[in-house]
Amino acid sequence: MGFIDEIKARAKADVKTIVLPETEDVRTYQAAEAVLRDGTAKLILVGSKEEIEKNGAGYDISGASIVDPATSDKTEAYIAKLVELRQKKGMTEEQAREILLNNYLYYGVMMVKMGDADGMVSGACHSTADTLRPCLQILKTKPGTKLVSAFFVMVVPDCDMGADGTFIFGDSGLEQNPDPEKLANIAVSSAESFRTLTGKEPIVAMLSHSTKGSAKHADVDKVVEATRLAKELAPELKLDGELQLDAAIVPAVGESKAPGSPVAGHANVLIFPDLDAGNIGYKLVQRLAKAEAYGPLTQGIAAPVNDLSRGCSAEDIEGVVAITAVQAQAR
């Protein structure tokens, strides 16, 4: 059974409720039909019945709940809560009402905040900033976590590296140029995400263009310091750096370049030094190795809300809904 099939099976074992706020996009309905047919999640679609019937014409979404902010009996409570949460920023009842009646992403996040949904998936037609802004304002960061970061689950076909071809790439979607402390926190969060989603032991490589001092540069120093900090944060983790990519995942190269490393040649969690490297890396693997790429998935938010690439397919949304449900199970 492949990674996403295992995730869907786990999602079906303890069904969670996921909000899909992007009801203007046909991919939402394509994905919703598949999710409801397979039973991987209960779904809430945000919008008026008329617009959802129009935009979703031809798709069987009869099993979904439709919540119209303009008529829902919970909207007033959401408005009051949003004012309470944002009053220090000057939020008024009038502003909260305007936001929640017109921005379905904010409404979806409020549903998660108030316990009426377990998670949300968005981003097919909104930017990462648009998706994450309400999360950071309303849900805040997870206790014990210093920052929100993003990762991709990469599933490489016919690959004996990583966890049978499954890897986490972090941060490949959010943190532009993390300092050593942020990079260390991304590593620890990514390891936790790997364990949650695969059930296997994370083996974390802090990637660089250098392996164990083979190059001298401030960029290398950053990764060395991040490795030190990550080991302090989570001494129980199998984590090492700095490692070049081949030293991290190819056993023979790892043994040659970093003998004695508990990680070299066996890594399944790859931590990139900056967003350029992470974004380029995941897209290279996705396009050249024809890997499945699920993400950008978020970690560090107090409840599971996941972003999508605007180039995503309906199948991608379907997979991320199942992943979000499994993350919700782990809360």
Protein backbone atom coordinates (compact mmCIF):
# COMPACT_ATOMS: atom_id res chain seq x y z
CA MET A 1 0.00 0.00 0.00
CA GLY A 2 1.41 3.38 -1.01
CA PHE A 3 1.75 6.44 1.23
CA ILE A 4 -1.47 8.19 0.25
CA ASP A 5 -3.47 4.93 0.36
CA GLU A 6 -2.26 4.38 3.92
CA ILE A 7 -3.19 7.96 4.82
CA LYS A 8 -6.68 7.51 3.38
CA ALA A 9 -7.14 4.25 5.29
CA ARG A 10 -6.14 5.99 8.53
CA ALA A 11 -8.45 8.91 7.76
CA LYS A 12 -11.39 6.52 7.26
CA ALA A 13 -10.70 4.81 10.60
CA ASP A 14 -11.51 7.99 12.57
CA VAL A 15 -13.39 10.36 10.30
CA LYS A 16 -12.80 14.08 10.83
CA THR A 17 -14.59 17.16 9.51
CA ILE A 18 -12.65 19.33 7.07
CA VAL A 19 -13.66 22.75 5.71
CA LEU A 20 -13.21 23.57 2.03
CA PRO A 21 -13.78 27.34 1.67
CA GLU A 22 -12.79 27.75 -1.99
CA THR A 23 -16.23 27.05 -3.42
CA GLU A 24 -15.57 29.25 -6.45
CA ASP A 25 -13.15 26.65 -7.88
CA VAL A 26 -14.32 23.56 -9.78
CA ARG A 27 -11.38 21.53 -8.39
CA THR A 28 -12.97 21.83 -4.95
CA TYR A 29 -16.04 19.97 -6.20
CA GLN A 30 -14.05 17.35 -8.07
CA ALA A 31 -12.08 16.64 -4.90
CA ALA A 32 -15.15 16.80 -2.65
CA GLU A 33 -16.96 14.19 -4.74
CA ALA A 34 -13.99 11.80 -4.39
CA VAL A 35 -13.54 12.45 -0.65
CA LEU A 36 -17.22 11.86 0.07
CA ARG A 37 -17.32 8.76 -2.11
CA ASP A 38 -14.27 7.27 -0.33
CA GLY A 39 -15.36 8.37 3.14
CA THR A 40 -12.00 9.88 4.10
CA ALA A 41 -13.58 12.96 5.71
CA LYS A 42 -16.82 14.76 6.41
CA LEU A 43 -16.82 17.99 4.43
CA ILE A 44 -18.13 21.51 4.97
CA LEU A 45 -18.43 23.77 1.92
CA VAL A 46 -18.65 27.48 2.73
CA GLY A 47 -20.97 29.61 0.61
CA SER A 48 -24.58 30.15 -0.38
CA LYS A 49 -26.58 27.17 -1.55
CA GLU A 50 -27.21 28.93 -4.86
CA GLU A 51 -23.55 29.60 -5.67
CA ILE A 52 -22.47 26.12 -4.61
CA GLU A 53 -25.18 24.49 -6.74
CA LYS A 54 -24.09 26.63 -9.68
CA ASN A 55 -20.33 26.18 -9.30
CA GLY A 56 -20.56 22.48 -8.42
CA ALA A 57 -23.05 21.52 -11.11
CA GLY A 58 -22.45 17.96 -12.32
CA TYR A 59 -20.69 16.76 -9.17
CA ASP A 60 -22.25 14.64 -6.43
CA ILE A 61 -21.59 16.62 -3.25
CA SER A 62 -24.85 15.64 -1.58
CA GLY A 63 -22.99 14.28 1.44
CA ALA A 64 -21.35 17.62 2.24
CA SER A 65 -22.67 20.22 4.68
CA ILE A 66 -23.21 23.65 3.16
CA VAL A 67 -22.70 26.58 5.50
CA ASP A 68 -23.71 30.04 4.31
CA PRO A 69 -22.14 32.74 6.50
CA ALA A 70 -25.05 35.06 5.68
CA THR A 71 -27.66 32.72 7.16
CA SER A 72 -25.81 30.43 9.61
CA ASP A 73 -27.02 30.67 13.20
CA LYS A 74 -23.38 30.45 14.33
CA THR A 75 -22.15 33.53 12.50
CA GLU A 76 -22.94 35.95 15.34
CA ALA A 77 -20.88 33.88 17.76
CA TYR A 78 -18.02 33.82 15.26
CA ILE A 79 -18.19 37.60 14.91
CA ALA A 80 -18.07 38.06 18.69
CA LYS A 81 -15.12 35.69 18.99
CA LEU A 82 -13.19 37.38 16.20
CA VAL A 83 -13.68 40.77 17.89
CA GLU A 84 -12.45 39.27 21.17
CA LEU A 85 -9.37 37.76 19.52
CA ARG A 86 -8.44 40.88 17.56
CA GLN A 87 -9.63 43.69 19.83
CA LYS A 88 -6.06 44.68 20.70
CA LYS A 89 -5.56 45.29 16.99
CA GLY A 90 -8.62 47.54 16.93
CA MET A 91 -11.08 45.06 15.44
CA THR A 92 -14.68 46.29 15.63
CA GLU A 93 -17.88 44.29 15.32
CA GLU A 94 -18.57 45.97 11.98
CA GLN A 95 -15.15 44.98 10.64
CA ALA A 96 -15.49 41.42 11.92
CA ARG A 97 -18.89 41.08 10.27
CA GLU A 98 -17.52 42.40 6.96
CA ILE A 99 -14.61 39.94 7.05
CA LEU A 100 -16.62 36.86 7.98
CA LEU A 101 -19.46 37.47 5.54
CA ASN A 102 -17.13 38.10 2.60
CA ASN A 103 -13.92 36.15 3.21
CA TYR A 104 -14.65 32.45 3.35
CA LEU A 105 -11.09 31.59 4.41
CA TYR A 106 -11.57 33.57 7.62
CA TYR A 107 -14.95 31.93 8.13
CA GLY A 108 -13.43 28.46 7.68
CA VAL A 109 -10.67 29.19 10.18
CA MET A 110 -13.28 30.43 12.68
CA MET A 111 -15.13 27.11 12.27
CA VAL A 112 -11.91 25.32 13.24
CA LYS A 113 -11.29 27.72 16.14
CA MET A 114 -14.80 27.19 17.53
CA GLY A 115 -14.63 23.40 17.25
CA ASP A 116 -17.19 23.09 14.45
CA ALA A 117 -14.54 21.60 12.14
CA ASP A 118 -11.29 19.71 12.71
CA GLY A 119 -9.22 21.29 9.95
CA MET A 120 -9.24 23.30 6.73
CA VAL A 121 -7.69 22.98 3.27
CA SER A 122 -7.27 26.03 1.04
CA GLY A 123 -4.87 27.57 -1.46
CA ALA A 124 -6.05 26.28 -4.85
CA CYS A 125 -6.99 29.83 -5.81
CA HIS A 126 -5.49 31.86 -2.94
CA SER A 127 -1.89 32.68 -2.10
CA THR A 128 -0.08 31.12 0.84
CA ALA A 129 -0.23 34.49 2.58
CA ASP A 130 -4.01 34.65 2.15
CA THR A 131 -4.39 31.13 3.56
CA LEU A 132 -2.04 31.55 6.52
CA ARG A 133 -2.96 35.08 7.60
CA PRO A 134 -6.27 34.10 9.27
CA CYS A 135 -4.59 31.05 10.83
CA LEU A 136 -1.90 33.14 12.49
CA GLN A 137 -4.42 35.77 13.61
CA ILE A 138 -7.05 33.35 14.93
CA LEU A 139 -5.53 29.94 15.68
CA LYS A 140 -2.01 31.12 16.62
CA THR A 141 0.98 28.78 16.93
CA LYS A 142 0.89 25.36 18.53
CA PRO A 143 1.97 25.33 22.21
CA GLY A 144 5.70 24.74 22.45
CA THR A 145 6.28 25.74 18.82
CA LYS A 146 8.06 28.97 17.96
CA LEU A 147 7.16 29.30 14.30
CA VAL A 148 4.91 28.09 11.53
CA SER A 149 6.71 26.38 8.66
CA ALA A 150 5.81 24.37 5.59
CA PHE A 151 6.84 21.02 4.16
CA PHE A 152 6.11 18.70 1.27
CA VAL A 153 5.62 14.97 1.47
CA MET A 154 7.46 13.56 -1.53
CA VAL A 155 6.68 10.03 -2.69
CA VAL A 156 9.23 8.89 -5.26
CA PRO A 157 8.26 5.85 -7.38
CA ASP A 158 10.57 2.82 -7.53
CA CYS A 159 12.91 4.31 -4.94
CA ASP A 160 14.69 2.38 -2.18
CA MET A 161 15.96 5.51 -0.44
CA GLY A 162 14.24 7.38 2.37
CA ALA A 163 11.28 5.47 3.80
CA ASP A 164 10.64 3.31 0.73
CA GLY A 165 10.75 6.43 -1.41
CA THR A 166 8.84 8.67 0.99
CA PHE A 167 10.50 11.85 2.25
CA ILE A 168 9.62 15.12 3.93
CA PHE A 169 11.21 18.23 2.42
CA GLY A 170 11.23 21.25 4.74
CA ASP A 171 10.89 24.19 4.57
CA SER A 172 9.88 24.17 0.91
CA GLY A 173 7.04 26.64 1.01
CA LEU A 174 7.16 29.38 3.63
CA GLU A 175 10.31 30.48 5.50
CA GLN A 176 12.45 32.45 3.06
CA ASN A 177 15.85 32.46 4.76
CA PRO A 178 15.62 30.98 8.25
CA ASP A 179 18.32 31.77 10.78
CA PRO A 180 19.91 28.87 12.71
CA GLU A 181 17.25 28.93 15.45
CA LYS A 182 14.40 28.86 12.95
CA LEU A 183 16.10 26.15 10.89
CA ALA A 184 16.51 24.03 14.02
CA ASN A 185 12.81 24.42 14.84
CA ILE A 186 11.85 23.54 11.27
CA ALA A 187 13.91 20.35 11.61
CA VAL A 188 12.24 19.29 14.86
CA SER A 189 8.74 20.09 13.55
CA SER A 190 9.42 18.23 10.30
CA ALA A 191 10.57 15.16 12.22
CA GLU A 192 7.33 15.22 14.23
CA SER A 193 5.31 15.59 11.02
CA PHE A 194 7.11 12.64 9.45
CA ARG A 195 6.37 10.44 12.45
CA THR A 196 2.70 11.53 12.49
CA LEU A 197 2.12 10.90 8.81
CA THR A 198 4.18 7.75 8.20
CA GLY A 199 4.34 6.10 11.62
CA LYS A 200 8.07 5.57 11.02
CA GLU A 201 11.20 6.90 12.70
CA PRO A 202 12.39 10.21 11.28
CA ILE A 203 16.03 10.39 10.20
CA VAL A 204 16.84 14.06 9.69
CA ALA A 205 19.55 15.51 7.46
CA MET A 206 20.48 19.19 7.67
CA LEU A 207 21.42 19.86 4.05
CA SER A 208 24.21 22.05 2.72
CA HIS A 209 26.63 22.27 -0.21
CA SER A 210 29.20 21.01 2.31
CA THR A 211 29.61 17.75 4.20
CA LYS A 212 31.31 17.86 7.59
CA GLY A 213 33.53 20.83 6.88
CA SER A 214 34.33 20.11 3.21
CA ALA A 215 33.57 23.76 2.39
CA LYS A 216 33.95 26.98 4.36
CA HIS A 217 31.28 29.65 4.08
CA ALA A 218 28.83 31.59 6.23
CA ASP A 219 26.01 29.55 4.68
CA VAL A 220 27.67 26.37 5.93
CA ASP A 221 28.17 27.89 9.36
CA LYS A 222 24.42 28.55 9.54
CA VAL A 223 23.62 24.88 8.98
CA VAL A 224 26.27 23.73 11.45
CA GLU A 225 24.80 26.00 14.14
CA ALA A 226 21.24 24.92 13.29
CA THR A 227 22.30 21.29 13.68
CA ARG A 228 23.74 22.03 17.11
CA LEU A 229 20.57 23.80 18.22
CA ALA A 230 18.29 21.07 16.86
CA LYS A 231 20.21 18.43 18.80
CA GLU A 232 19.72 20.50 21.95
CA LEU A 233 15.98 20.84 21.26
CA ALA A 234 15.46 17.14 20.51
CA PRO A 235 18.45 15.06 21.64
CA GLU A 236 16.50 11.86 21.03
CA LEU A 237 16.25 12.49 17.28
CA LYS A 238 18.46 10.85 14.68
CA LEU A 239 19.66 14.16 13.23
CA ASP A 240 22.95 15.21 11.68
CA GLY A 241 24.55 17.83 9.49
CA GLU A 242 25.91 19.51 7.61
CA LEU A 243 25.41 16.99 4.80
CA GLN A 244 25.30 17.22 1.04
CA LEU A 245 22.22 15.67 -0.53
CA ASP A 246 24.01 12.58 -1.85
CA ALA A 247 25.72 12.02 1.50
CA ALA A 248 22.32 12.25 3.19
CA ILE A 249 20.44 9.67 1.12
CA VAL A 250 22.90 7.38 -0.70
CA PRO A 251 24.38 4.79 1.70
CA ALA A 252 27.71 4.37 -0.09
CA VAL A 253 28.25 8.12 -0.39
CA GLY A 254 27.19 8.71 3.20
CA GLU A 255 29.63 6.09 4.46
CA SER A 256 32.43 7.65 2.43
CA LYS A 257 31.78 11.33 3.20
CA ALA A 258 30.45 11.09 6.77
CA PRO A 259 31.62 7.82 8.32
CA GLY A 260 30.04 7.15 11.69
CA SER A 261 27.07 9.47 11.11
CA PRO A 262 23.76 7.98 12.33
CA VAL A 263 21.99 9.76 9.49
CA ALA A 264 24.27 9.80 6.43
CA GLY A 265 22.94 7.59 3.64
CA HIS A 266 19.62 6.92 5.37
CA ALA A 267 17.81 10.26 5.74
CA ASN A 268 14.07 10.51 5.15
CA VAL A 269 13.58 14.09 6.41
CA LEU A 270 15.55 16.63 4.38
CA ILE A 271 15.94 20.12 5.81
CA PHE A 272 16.96 22.69 3.21
CA PRO A 273 19.00 25.76 4.20
CA ASP A 274 16.58 28.24 2.62
CA LEU A 275 13.38 28.48 0.61
CA ASP A 276 15.16 28.73 -2.74
CA ALA A 277 16.85 25.37 -2.21
CA GLY A 278 13.72 23.74 -0.79
CA ASN A 279 11.36 24.97 -3.50
CA ILE A 280 13.75 24.11 -6.34
CA GLY A 281 14.49 20.74 -4.75
CA TYR A 282 10.90 19.57 -4.44
CA LYS A 283 10.02 20.71 -7.96
CA LEU A 284 13.04 18.94 -9.45
CA VAL A 285 12.07 15.68 -7.75
CA GLN A 286 8.40 16.13 -8.66
CA ARG A 287 9.05 16.80 -12.35
CA LEU A 288 12.14 14.71 -13.12
CA ALA A 289 11.48 11.71 -10.86
CA LYS A 290 7.70 11.95 -11.42
CA ALA A 291 7.22 11.99 -7.65
CA GLU A 292 3.92 12.68 -5.92
CA ALA A 293 4.22 16.00 -4.07
CA TYR A 294 1.73 16.74 -1.28
CA GLY A 295 1.87 20.29 0.03
CA PRO A 296 2.86 22.82 1.03
CA LEU A 297 1.57 21.36 4.29
CA THR A 298 1.83 23.52 7.37
CA GLN A 299 3.24 22.66 10.78
CA GLY A 300 3.29 24.70 13.96
CA ILE A 301 -0.30 26.01 13.78
CA ALA A 302 -2.52 25.18 16.76
CA ALA A 303 -4.92 23.25 14.50
CA PRO A 304 -4.40 21.62 11.10
CA VAL A 305 -4.86 24.05 8.21
CA ASN A 306 -3.08 23.20 4.99
CA ASP A 307 -2.12 25.26 1.99
CA LEU A 308 -2.24 24.08 -1.61
CA SER A 309 -0.21 25.02 -4.64
CA ARG A 310 -2.32 27.10 -7.01
CA GLY A 311 -1.28 24.64 -9.71
CA CYS A 312 -2.75 21.72 -7.77
CA SER A 313 -5.06 19.10 -9.24
CA ALA A 314 -8.30 17.82 -7.73
CA GLU A 315 -6.38 14.66 -6.78
CA ASP A 316 -3.88 16.80 -4.88
CA ILE A 317 -6.71 18.41 -2.90
CA GLU A 318 -8.18 14.98 -2.17
CA GLY A 319 -4.82 13.78 -0.82
CA VAL A 320 -4.27 16.89 1.30
CA VAL A 321 -7.77 16.54 2.80
CA ALA A 322 -6.83 13.02 3.96
CA ILE A 323 -3.49 14.24 5.33
CA THR A 324 -5.25 17.07 7.20
CA ALA A 325 -7.67 14.56 8.71
CA VAL A 326 -4.78 12.42 9.96
CA GLN A 327 -3.10 15.49 11.43
CA ALA A 328 -6.40 16.26 13.19
CA GLN A 329 -6.45 12.73 14.64
CA ALA A 330 -3.01 13.38 16.15
CA ARG A 331 -4.05 16.54 18.02
